[in-house]
Amino acid sequence: MVSRFGIRSAAAALCALASACATPAALDGPSEPGLDIPAQWSVPPPPLELDPQSYWTILGDPLLDRLVAQAVERNRDLAQASARIAQARAGVKASRAGYLPRIAGSAGVQRDIGDFAEDDFQFSVGADAQWEIDLFGQISNDVAAARADLAAAGYGLADLQRLIVGQVAQTYVSARTLARQLAIARETLAIQDENLQIAEWRLQAGLVSSFDVEQARAQRAQTAASIPALERDLAQAANTISTLIGEAPGPVREELENTAGIIPAPPASFGFEAPAEVLRRRPDVRQAEAALLAASARVGVARAQLFPLVRLTGNIGTASLGVSELFDIITGGLFAGVSQLIFDGGRTRAQVEAAQAAAEGSLAGWEQAILQALEDVESADAAMRAARERVLLFALAREAADNAAILARSQYQAGLIDFQTLLTSENQLLSARNALAASEAERATAFIRLGQALGGGWDERTIALETGQPVAGR
């Protein structure tokens, strides 16, 4: 069963939602039992500079900006989520209709058949009305649950957009990294062609054995074999982006292959908000909170069935043998009734218990969403710090390997070293260049994941327009 404290928290959050603040109560006041939200991150970031809402624009890549904009506009998964918002909005309208009476009209024409039947037609017109008075909150709780469902659908759309924006950005970084590695492989292949030619010249001059030539050929073949695999992976990454932005494969691949691009680099240093502020920005946390509000409201709907039901019913009608006399005599009635459940074998009590269990599960889901959000930020920040350091170290390794390869090529041409030493130097350079590219991609990906973890990638004002919910803090 839901604890009294949990129900009070849900009710407080529901009031906050209605008063233009969709912030979980645990973020502003006491936490739920076992849930402690820290005031600061484990490793304090630099002074606040980053606005995570459109974090990918900080990478300064116009093509990435355009692809993200296309994904937000045309992604089919987002279109499905928008349709779910429309369904939830219709659910709110349906629940609000419970406050109003239900009126149904009827009309008919009758003629008797038989030996003693009269030839005249009998006309009738009538209307029935029924109105349930919301004394114990069954209708109002149903409306509250529908509104919370609408808010959850809106935040679900926002969270999906947050994830899709990050997926587009990460796939784009992967594509740019593959393009860089493909360029490295082709440049290395050109150098290895030269090494093979030098080895053949030295063989013809009798300076080396055919062993050097065979080693050069093997090295070149291995590098050449990596190129088709890189081209395949680049095509697959481009096709993934095409699907995310809602278009058939082809144009994105051509654009990536025909435009010279570098691996996007994030700022050298930036800060971000405190945990409580990040949790307010995370749409998945707010979606889980809205689900808790809906589940708590449905507990009230189930409980209301245990209390008396007051209903007003009425009817009015008229009948005559002719249309001209139809409204000469009008009859009607009005009835007020009270009904109370006495015994149903425990069915209603079981429904209440089921609703309470669902609310308890939603409460745990909300807490889990909070913990997951905190974990995402801490892990992404740690990955970002490590990636920055790795880029610096791999840059030093790449510079040293480049210098060593230049020296090895000149010394091999002069006959000062054997081909095995040159081969080792060239392989070290290739590994260092690929490692540097991979570490730069790791840094960009860590930045994107951090932007995702901070709740970036969606616009609260847009979701507010979709759902009719107020913007937090306004």
Protein backbone atom coordinates (compact mmCIF):
# COMPACT_ATOMS: atom_id res chain seq x y z
CA MET A 1 0.00 0.00 0.00
CA VAL A 2 1.06 3.58 -0.56
CA SER A 3 2.33 5.20 2.60
CA ARG A 4 0.51 8.24 3.92
CA PHE A 5 3.66 10.25 3.39
CA GLY A 6 3.81 9.09 -0.25
CA ILE A 7 0.18 10.10 -0.86
CA ARG A 8 0.77 13.49 0.75
CA SER A 9 3.83 14.00 -1.47
CA ALA A 10 1.82 13.09 -4.54
CA ALA A 11 -0.97 15.45 -3.53
CA ALA A 12 1.52 18.23 -2.94
CA ALA A 13 3.06 17.62 -6.34
CA LEU A 14 -0.41 17.64 -7.92
CA CYS A 15 -1.13 21.02 -6.36
CA ALA A 16 2.24 22.24 -7.62
CA LEU A 17 1.39 21.09 -11.14
CA ALA A 18 -1.93 22.92 -11.02
CA SER A 19 -0.22 26.08 -9.79
CA ALA A 20 2.36 26.23 -12.60
CA CYS A 21 5.17 24.35 -10.90
CA ALA A 22 5.76 20.80 -12.04
CA THR A 23 8.70 20.24 -9.70
CA PRO A 24 8.73 17.09 -7.55
CA ALA A 25 8.11 17.86 -3.90
CA ALA A 26 11.23 15.92 -2.97
CA LEU A 27 13.36 18.48 -4.80
CA ASP A 28 12.16 21.43 -2.73
CA GLY A 29 11.47 19.82 0.60
CA PRO A 30 12.12 16.58 2.47
CA SER A 31 13.02 13.61 0.31
CA GLU A 32 11.11 10.38 0.23
CA PRO A 33 12.45 7.76 2.67
CA GLY A 34 15.70 6.36 1.34
CA LEU A 35 16.09 9.07 -1.29
CA ASP A 36 18.71 11.70 -0.61
CA ILE A 37 19.34 14.35 -3.27
CA PRO A 38 22.80 15.91 -2.84
CA ALA A 39 23.22 19.65 -2.83
CA GLN A 40 26.31 19.46 -5.06
CA TRP A 41 27.96 17.01 -7.42
CA SER A 42 30.72 14.72 -6.17
CA VAL A 43 33.24 16.66 -8.30
CA PRO A 44 32.17 20.34 -8.40
CA PRO A 45 32.17 21.66 -12.00
CA PRO A 46 33.59 25.04 -13.04
CA PRO A 47 31.38 28.14 -12.84
CA LEU A 48 28.13 27.77 -14.77
CA GLU A 49 28.49 28.51 -18.48
CA LEU A 50 26.69 25.78 -20.44
CA ASP A 51 23.02 26.08 -21.46
CA PRO A 52 22.13 22.44 -22.14
CA GLN A 53 18.92 23.13 -24.06
CA SER A 54 20.78 23.28 -27.40
CA TYR A 55 24.16 21.96 -26.26
CA TRP A 56 25.11 20.47 -29.65
CA THR A 57 25.33 23.95 -31.21
CA ILE A 58 28.38 24.61 -29.02
CA LEU A 59 30.29 22.10 -31.15
CA GLY A 60 30.12 24.64 -34.00
CA ASP A 61 29.19 22.24 -36.80
CA PRO A 62 26.49 23.65 -39.14
CA LEU A 63 25.78 20.26 -40.71
CA LEU A 64 25.16 18.73 -37.29
CA ASP A 65 22.84 21.61 -36.41
CA ARG A 66 20.83 21.03 -39.57
CA LEU A 67 20.59 17.28 -39.06
CA VAL A 68 19.35 17.73 -35.51
CA ALA A 69 16.74 20.25 -36.66
CA GLN A 70 15.54 17.81 -39.32
CA ALA A 71 15.31 15.00 -36.77
CA VAL A 72 13.21 17.12 -34.40
CA GLU A 73 10.89 18.05 -37.25
CA ARG A 74 10.58 14.78 -39.17
CA ASN A 75 11.53 11.83 -36.94
CA ARG A 76 8.76 9.23 -37.09
CA ASP A 77 9.11 8.13 -33.47
CA LEU A 78 8.53 11.73 -32.40
CA ALA A 79 5.47 11.83 -34.65
CA GLN A 80 4.07 8.79 -32.83
CA ALA A 81 4.74 10.44 -29.46
CA SER A 82 2.91 13.57 -30.66
CA ALA A 83 -0.05 11.38 -31.57
CA ARG A 84 -0.06 9.98 -28.04
CA ILE A 85 -0.27 13.54 -26.73
CA ALA A 86 -3.33 14.12 -28.91
CA GLN A 87 -4.87 10.96 -27.45
CA ALA A 88 -4.16 12.11 -23.91
CA ARG A 89 -5.61 15.55 -24.69
CA ALA A 90 -8.81 13.87 -25.86
CA GLY A 91 -8.81 11.87 -22.63
CA VAL A 92 -8.78 15.11 -20.63
CA LYS A 93 -11.78 16.40 -22.59
CA ALA A 94 -13.64 13.14 -22.01
CA SER A 95 -12.97 13.21 -18.26
CA ARG A 96 -14.07 16.85 -17.95
CA ALA A 97 -17.37 15.91 -19.57
CA GLY A 98 -18.19 14.04 -16.35
CA TYR A 99 -18.92 17.39 -14.66
CA LEU A 100 -21.77 18.06 -17.10
CA PRO A 101 -25.15 16.37 -17.43
CA ARG A 102 -25.75 13.83 -20.13
CA ILE A 103 -28.76 14.56 -22.31
CA ALA A 104 -30.17 12.21 -24.94
CA GLY A 105 -33.06 12.99 -27.25
CA SER A 106 -35.48 10.60 -28.90
CA ALA A 107 -38.20 10.79 -31.50
CA GLY A 108 -40.45 8.23 -33.10
CA VAL A 109 -43.38 7.50 -35.33
CA GLN A 110 -45.81 4.67 -34.60
CA ARG A 111 -48.74 3.17 -36.48
CA ASP A 112 -50.83 0.24 -35.33
CA ILE A 113 -51.46 -2.69 -37.64
CA GLY A 114 -54.43 -5.02 -37.44
CA ASP A 115 -58.20 -5.32 -37.93
CA PHE A 116 -59.00 -2.82 -35.21
CA ALA A 117 -56.02 -0.54 -35.74
CA GLU A 118 -56.47 3.13 -36.42
CA ASP A 119 -55.05 4.63 -39.56
CA ASP A 120 -53.48 7.64 -37.82
CA PHE A 121 -49.74 7.91 -37.11
CA GLN A 122 -48.65 8.59 -33.53
CA PHE A 123 -45.70 10.93 -33.16
CA SER A 124 -43.51 11.24 -30.04
CA VAL A 125 -40.61 13.46 -29.01
CA GLY A 126 -38.68 13.25 -25.75
CA ALA A 127 -35.45 13.81 -23.91
CA ASP A 128 -33.71 12.15 -20.98
CA ALA A 129 -31.10 13.78 -18.76
CA GLN A 130 -28.71 12.35 -16.18
CA TRP A 131 -26.29 14.19 -13.96
CA GLU A 132 -23.92 12.72 -11.42
CA ILE A 133 -22.95 15.04 -8.57
CA ASP A 134 -19.24 14.85 -7.71
CA LEU A 135 -19.55 14.82 -3.91
CA PHE A 136 -16.65 12.49 -3.13
CA GLY A 137 -14.17 13.31 -5.90
CA GLN A 138 -14.66 10.51 -8.36
CA ILE A 139 -14.96 12.86 -11.33
CA SER A 140 -12.43 15.40 -10.13
CA ASN A 141 -9.85 12.69 -9.46
CA ASP A 142 -10.53 11.22 -12.88
CA VAL A 143 -9.90 14.65 -14.41
CA ALA A 144 -6.71 15.03 -12.37
CA ALA A 145 -5.51 11.62 -13.55
CA ALA A 146 -6.24 12.52 -17.18
CA ARG A 147 -4.36 15.80 -16.84
CA ALA A 148 -1.40 13.99 -15.31
CA ASP A 149 -1.52 11.46 -18.16
CA LEU A 150 -1.40 14.37 -20.60
CA ALA A 151 1.59 15.85 -18.77
CA ALA A 152 3.29 12.44 -18.79
CA ALA A 153 2.69 12.13 -22.53
CA GLY A 154 4.21 15.57 -23.06
CA TYR A 155 7.27 14.79 -20.99
CA GLY A 156 7.50 11.44 -22.76
CA LEU A 157 7.72 13.29 -26.06
CA ALA A 158 10.34 15.61 -24.56
CA ASP A 159 12.42 12.71 -23.26
CA LEU A 160 12.23 10.92 -26.59
CA GLN A 161 13.38 14.11 -28.31
CA ARG A 162 16.23 14.40 -25.80
CA LEU A 163 17.35 10.86 -26.65
CA ILE A 164 16.93 11.22 -30.42
CA VAL A 165 18.86 14.50 -30.53
CA GLY A 166 21.68 12.81 -28.63
CA GLN A 167 21.55 9.79 -30.92
CA VAL A 168 21.80 11.97 -34.02
CA ALA A 169 24.75 13.86 -32.53
CA GLN A 170 26.56 10.72 -31.39
CA THR A 171 26.04 8.97 -34.73
CA TYR A 172 27.27 12.08 -36.51
CA VAL A 173 30.43 12.05 -34.38
CA SER A 174 30.89 8.37 -35.22
CA ALA A 175 30.51 9.14 -38.91
CA ARG A 176 33.05 11.96 -38.74
CA THR A 177 35.44 9.68 -36.85
CA LEU A 178 35.11 6.97 -39.47
CA ALA A 179 35.72 9.55 -42.17
CA ARG A 180 38.87 10.64 -40.35
CA GLN A 181 40.08 7.06 -39.94
CA LEU A 182 39.30 6.41 -43.59
CA ALA A 183 41.42 9.40 -44.57
CA ILE A 184 44.22 8.17 -42.28
CA ALA A 185 44.09 4.73 -43.88
CA ARG A 186 44.29 6.19 -47.39
CA GLU A 187 47.17 8.49 -46.45
CA THR A 188 48.97 5.60 -44.78
CA LEU A 189 48.39 3.45 -47.84
CA ALA A 190 50.06 6.10 -50.02
CA ILE A 191 53.07 6.13 -47.71
CA GLN A 192 53.24 2.35 -47.72
CA ASP A 193 53.18 2.39 -51.53
CA GLU A 194 56.28 4.55 -51.38
CA ASN A 195 57.89 2.20 -48.84
CA LEU A 196 57.16 -0.76 -51.10
CA GLN A 197 58.71 1.06 -54.05
CA ILE A 198 61.82 1.91 -52.02
CA ALA A 199 62.14 -1.71 -50.89
CA GLU A 200 61.88 -2.90 -54.50
CA TRP A 201 64.55 -0.39 -55.60
CA ARG A 202 66.87 -1.54 -52.83
CA LEU A 203 66.20 -5.16 -53.78
CA GLN A 204 67.09 -4.41 -57.41
CA ALA A 205 70.24 -2.69 -56.19
CA GLY A 206 71.17 -5.78 -54.19
CA LEU A 207 71.11 -3.89 -50.90
CA VAL A 208 68.35 -5.96 -49.25
CA SER A 209 66.72 -9.35 -49.68
CA SER A 210 63.23 -10.04 -50.94
CA PHE A 211 62.19 -10.34 -47.30
CA ASP A 212 61.87 -6.54 -47.10
CA VAL A 213 59.68 -6.44 -50.19
CA GLU A 214 57.36 -9.15 -48.88
CA GLN A 215 57.03 -7.36 -45.55
CA ALA A 216 56.17 -4.13 -47.34
CA ARG A 217 53.58 -5.91 -49.48
CA ALA A 218 51.98 -7.54 -46.42
CA GLN A 219 51.81 -4.23 -44.58
CA ARG A 220 50.22 -2.50 -47.56
CA ALA A 221 47.65 -5.27 -48.04
CA GLN A 222 46.57 -5.11 -44.40
CA THR A 223 46.06 -1.36 -44.59
CA ALA A 224 44.20 -1.65 -47.90
CA ALA A 225 41.90 -4.29 -46.39
CA SER A 226 40.82 -1.90 -43.63
CA ILE A 227 39.49 0.67 -46.14
CA PRO A 228 36.40 -1.27 -47.34
CA ALA A 229 35.43 -1.98 -43.72
CA LEU A 230 35.69 1.70 -42.85
CA GLU A 231 33.66 2.62 -45.93
CA ARG A 232 31.00 0.11 -44.89
CA ASP A 233 30.81 1.46 -41.34
CA LEU A 234 30.61 5.04 -42.63
CA ALA A 235 27.73 4.10 -44.92
CA GLN A 236 25.91 2.40 -42.04
CA ALA A 237 26.34 5.45 -39.79
CA ALA A 238 25.05 7.74 -42.55
CA ASN A 239 22.06 5.45 -43.11
CA THR A 240 21.27 5.51 -39.38
CA ILE A 241 21.25 9.30 -39.46
CA SER A 242 18.96 9.23 -42.49
CA THR A 243 16.43 7.13 -40.60
CA LEU A 244 16.63 9.40 -37.57
CA ILE A 245 15.93 12.51 -39.65
CA GLY A 246 13.08 10.82 -41.49
CA GLU A 247 14.44 10.38 -44.99
CA ALA A 248 15.58 7.52 -47.20
CA PRO A 249 19.30 6.62 -47.20
CA GLY A 250 21.56 8.33 -49.70
CA PRO A 251 21.73 12.13 -49.37
CA VAL A 252 23.33 12.13 -45.91
CA ARG A 253 26.01 9.68 -47.02
CA GLU A 254 26.84 11.79 -50.05
CA GLU A 255 27.02 14.93 -47.94
CA LEU A 256 29.31 13.32 -45.39
CA GLU A 257 31.60 11.98 -48.12
CA ASN A 258 31.67 15.22 -50.11
CA THR A 259 32.18 17.68 -47.26
CA ALA A 260 35.43 17.97 -45.42
CA GLY A 261 34.69 17.82 -41.74
CA ILE A 262 36.64 17.36 -38.56
CA ILE A 263 35.60 15.59 -35.38
CA PRO A 264 33.66 18.21 -33.38
CA ALA A 265 35.49 19.48 -30.32
CA PRO A 266 33.60 20.67 -27.21
CA PRO A 267 34.74 23.63 -25.09
CA ALA A 268 37.83 23.07 -23.00
CA SER A 269 35.93 23.80 -19.80
CA PHE A 270 32.32 24.44 -18.80
CA GLY A 271 30.08 24.08 -15.79
CA PHE A 272 26.48 23.11 -15.17
CA GLU A 273 23.67 23.43 -12.67
CA ALA A 274 23.27 21.85 -9.24
CA PRO A 275 21.55 18.45 -8.94
CA ALA A 276 18.13 19.85 -8.00
CA GLU A 277 18.09 22.16 -11.02
CA VAL A 278 19.18 19.35 -13.35
CA LEU A 279 16.38 17.13 -12.05
CA ARG A 280 13.87 19.88 -12.80
CA ARG A 281 15.17 19.97 -16.36
CA ARG A 282 15.13 16.20 -16.95
CA PRO A 283 11.92 15.26 -18.79
CA ASP A 284 12.10 11.60 -17.77
CA VAL A 285 12.05 12.60 -14.10
CA ARG A 286 9.08 14.86 -14.70
CA GLN A 287 7.35 12.14 -16.71
CA ALA A 288 7.77 9.74 -13.79
CA GLU A 289 6.41 12.39 -11.45
CA ALA A 290 3.37 12.90 -13.67
CA ALA A 291 2.80 9.13 -13.69
CA LEU A 292 2.85 9.24 -9.88
CA LEU A 293 0.27 12.03 -9.89
CA ALA A 294 -1.98 10.05 -12.22
CA ALA A 295 -1.66 6.89 -10.14
CA SER A 296 -2.39 8.78 -6.92
CA ALA A 297 -5.46 10.39 -8.47
CA ARG A 298 -6.73 6.98 -9.53
CA VAL A 299 -6.55 5.86 -5.91
CA GLY A 300 -9.10 8.61 -5.23
CA VAL A 301 -11.25 7.42 -8.13
CA ALA A 302 -11.27 3.89 -6.76
CA ARG A 303 -12.02 5.00 -3.20
CA ALA A 304 -14.92 7.17 -4.31
CA GLN A 305 -16.79 4.03 -5.31
CA LEU A 306 -17.05 3.16 -1.60
CA PHE A 307 -19.07 6.31 -0.88
CA PRO A 308 -22.68 7.18 -1.78
CA LEU A 309 -23.42 8.13 -5.36
CA VAL A 310 -25.86 11.01 -5.90
CA ARG A 311 -27.47 11.20 -9.30
CA LEU A 312 -30.18 13.44 -10.75
CA THR A 313 -32.26 12.07 -13.61
CA GLY A 314 -35.09 13.61 -15.54
CA ASN A 315 -37.15 13.17 -18.65
CA ILE A 316 -39.55 15.17 -20.73
CA GLY A 317 -41.67 14.09 -23.64
CA THR A 318 -44.81 14.50 -25.67
CA ALA A 319 -46.89 12.36 -27.98
CA SER A 320 -49.89 12.95 -30.28
CA LEU A 321 -51.72 11.61 -33.32
CA GLY A 322 -50.74 14.61 -35.40
CA VAL A 323 -47.71 16.82 -35.88
CA SER A 324 -49.73 20.00 -35.29
CA GLU A 325 -50.83 18.76 -31.85
CA LEU A 326 -47.44 17.33 -30.87
CA PHE A 327 -46.60 19.85 -28.16
CA ASP A 328 -50.08 20.35 -26.74
CA ILE A 329 -49.44 17.96 -23.87
CA ILE A 330 -45.94 17.70 -22.39
CA THR A 331 -45.11 15.33 -19.59
CA GLY A 332 -41.90 14.93 -17.63
CA GLY A 333 -40.32 13.99 -14.37
CA LEU A 334 -37.31 14.70 -12.16
CA PHE A 335 -35.74 12.22 -9.80
CA ALA A 336 -32.91 12.55 -7.30
CA GLY A 337 -31.43 9.28 -6.13
CA VAL A 338 -28.73 8.12 -3.77
CA SER A 339 -27.07 4.73 -4.10
CA GLN A 340 -24.60 3.12 -1.74
CA LEU A 341 -22.54 0.01 -2.30
CA ILE A 342 -23.38 -2.55 0.38
CA PHE A 343 -21.76 -5.77 -0.78
CA ASP A 344 -19.87 -6.82 -3.89
CA GLY A 345 -17.70 -9.61 -2.54
CA GLY A 346 -14.70 -7.30 -1.98
CA ARG A 347 -14.36 -6.30 -5.64
CA THR A 348 -14.25 -2.55 -4.99
CA ARG A 349 -11.85 -2.95 -2.08
CA ALA A 350 -9.60 -4.97 -4.37
CA GLN A 351 -9.74 -2.18 -6.96
CA VAL A 352 -8.64 0.31 -4.30
CA GLU A 353 -5.77 -1.94 -3.25
CA ALA A 354 -4.73 -2.39 -6.89
CA ALA A 355 -4.74 1.39 -7.40
CA GLN A 356 -2.66 1.85 -4.25
CA ALA A 357 -0.18 -0.76 -5.43
CA ALA A 358 0.07 0.99 -8.79
CA ALA A 359 0.72 4.29 -7.00
CA GLU A 360 3.39 2.63 -4.88
CA GLY A 361 5.05 1.35 -8.04
CA SER A 362 4.88 4.82 -9.62
CA LEU A 363 6.48 6.28 -6.50
CA ALA A 364 9.36 3.82 -6.81
CA GLY A 365 9.59 4.60 -10.53
CA TRP A 366 9.86 8.32 -9.78
CA GLU A 367 12.63 7.69 -7.26
CA GLN A 368 14.43 5.44 -9.74
CA ALA A 369 14.22 8.12 -12.44
CA ILE A 370 15.80 10.62 -10.03
CA LEU A 371 18.62 8.23 -9.13
CA GLN A 372 19.19 7.36 -12.78
CA ALA A 373 19.41 11.04 -13.70
CA LEU A 374 22.00 11.68 -10.98
CA GLU A 375 23.99 8.65 -12.15
CA ASP A 376 23.87 9.82 -15.77
CA VAL A 377 25.33 13.21 -14.93
CA GLU A 378 28.05 11.88 -12.63
CA SER A 379 29.11 9.20 -15.12
CA ALA A 380 29.04 11.53 -18.11
CA ASP A 381 31.07 14.16 -16.24
CA ALA A 382 33.66 11.55 -15.26
CA ALA A 383 33.84 10.35 -18.87
CA MET A 384 34.25 13.94 -20.06
CA ARG A 385 37.16 14.60 -17.70
CA ALA A 386 38.88 11.35 -18.67
CA ALA A 387 38.36 11.99 -22.40
CA ARG A 388 39.96 15.43 -22.18
CA GLU A 389 43.06 13.96 -20.54
CA ARG A 390 43.25 11.10 -23.04
CA VAL A 391 43.13 13.50 -26.00
CA LEU A 392 46.10 15.42 -24.62
CA LEU A 393 48.13 12.25 -24.07
CA PHE A 394 47.27 10.73 -27.45
CA ALA A 395 48.20 14.02 -29.12
CA LEU A 396 51.66 13.75 -27.57
CA ALA A 397 51.90 10.11 -28.65
CA ARG A 398 50.84 10.98 -32.19
CA GLU A 399 53.44 13.76 -32.42
CA ALA A 400 56.22 11.48 -31.17
CA ALA A 401 55.16 8.65 -33.49
CA ASP A 402 55.07 11.03 -36.46
CA ASN A 403 58.60 12.26 -35.73
CA ALA A 404 59.82 8.68 -35.27
CA ALA A 405 58.28 7.57 -38.58
CA ILE A 406 59.87 10.46 -40.47
CA LEU A 407 63.28 9.59 -39.02
CA ALA A 408 62.79 5.89 -39.75
CA ARG A 409 61.90 6.50 -43.41
CA SER A 410 64.94 8.70 -43.98
CA GLN A 411 67.26 6.26 -42.18
CA TYR A 412 65.88 3.30 -44.15
CA GLN A 413 66.46 5.13 -47.42
CA ALA A 414 70.03 5.76 -46.27
CA GLY A 415 70.44 2.11 -45.31
CA LEU A 416 70.99 2.83 -41.63
CA ILE A 417 68.14 0.63 -40.33
CA ASP A 418 66.40 -2.49 -41.57
CA PHE A 419 62.85 -2.64 -42.91
CA GLN A 420 61.50 -4.26 -39.72
CA THR A 421 62.36 -1.12 -37.76
CA LEU A 422 60.63 1.03 -40.37
CA LEU A 423 57.63 -1.30 -40.32
CA THR A 424 57.35 -1.01 -36.54
CA SER A 425 57.59 2.77 -36.72
CA GLU A 426 54.90 3.02 -39.41
CA ASN A 427 52.55 0.75 -37.47
CA GLN A 428 53.05 2.84 -34.34
CA LEU A 429 52.20 5.98 -36.26
CA LEU A 430 49.06 4.45 -37.72
CA SER A 431 47.96 3.26 -34.28
CA ALA A 432 48.71 6.67 -32.74
CA ARG A 433 46.72 8.54 -35.41
CA ASN A 434 43.73 6.23 -35.04
CA ALA A 435 43.93 6.39 -31.25
CA LEU A 436 43.95 10.19 -31.33
CA ALA A 437 40.91 10.21 -33.62
CA ALA A 438 39.13 7.73 -31.35
CA SER A 439 39.93 9.79 -28.25
CA GLU A 440 38.63 12.97 -29.92
CA ALA A 441 35.44 11.09 -30.78
CA GLU A 442 35.27 9.84 -27.21
CA ARG A 443 35.55 13.43 -25.96
CA ALA A 444 32.80 14.67 -28.29
CA THR A 445 30.56 11.72 -27.39
CA ALA A 446 31.13 12.32 -23.68
CA PHE A 447 30.10 15.95 -24.16
CA ILE A 448 26.93 14.87 -25.96
CA ARG A 449 26.07 12.36 -23.27
CA LEU A 450 26.64 14.99 -20.63
CA GLY A 451 24.32 17.36 -22.48
CA GLN A 452 21.73 14.57 -22.57
CA ALA A 453 22.23 13.82 -18.89
CA LEU A 454 21.72 17.48 -18.02
CA GLY A 455 18.31 17.31 -19.70
CA GLY A 456 19.22 19.11 -22.91
CA GLY A 457 17.66 18.62 -26.29
CA TRP A 458 14.06 19.76 -25.73
CA ASP A 459 12.23 23.04 -25.36
CA GLU A 460 9.91 23.32 -22.38
CA ARG A 461 7.84 26.02 -24.07
CA THR A 462 7.09 23.71 -27.00
CA ILE A 463 5.90 20.93 -24.69
CA ALA A 464 3.81 23.44 -22.77
CA LEU A 465 2.04 24.40 -25.99
CA GLU A 466 1.46 20.72 -26.83
CA THR A 467 -0.02 19.80 -23.46
CA GLY A 468 -1.42 23.06 -22.13
CA GLN A 469 0.81 22.71 -19.06
CA PRO A 470 2.41 25.83 -17.56
CA VAL A 471 6.15 26.35 -17.83
CA ALA A 472 7.88 25.66 -14.54
CA GLY A 473 8.91 28.77 -12.71
CA ARG A 474 6.62 31.05 -14.75
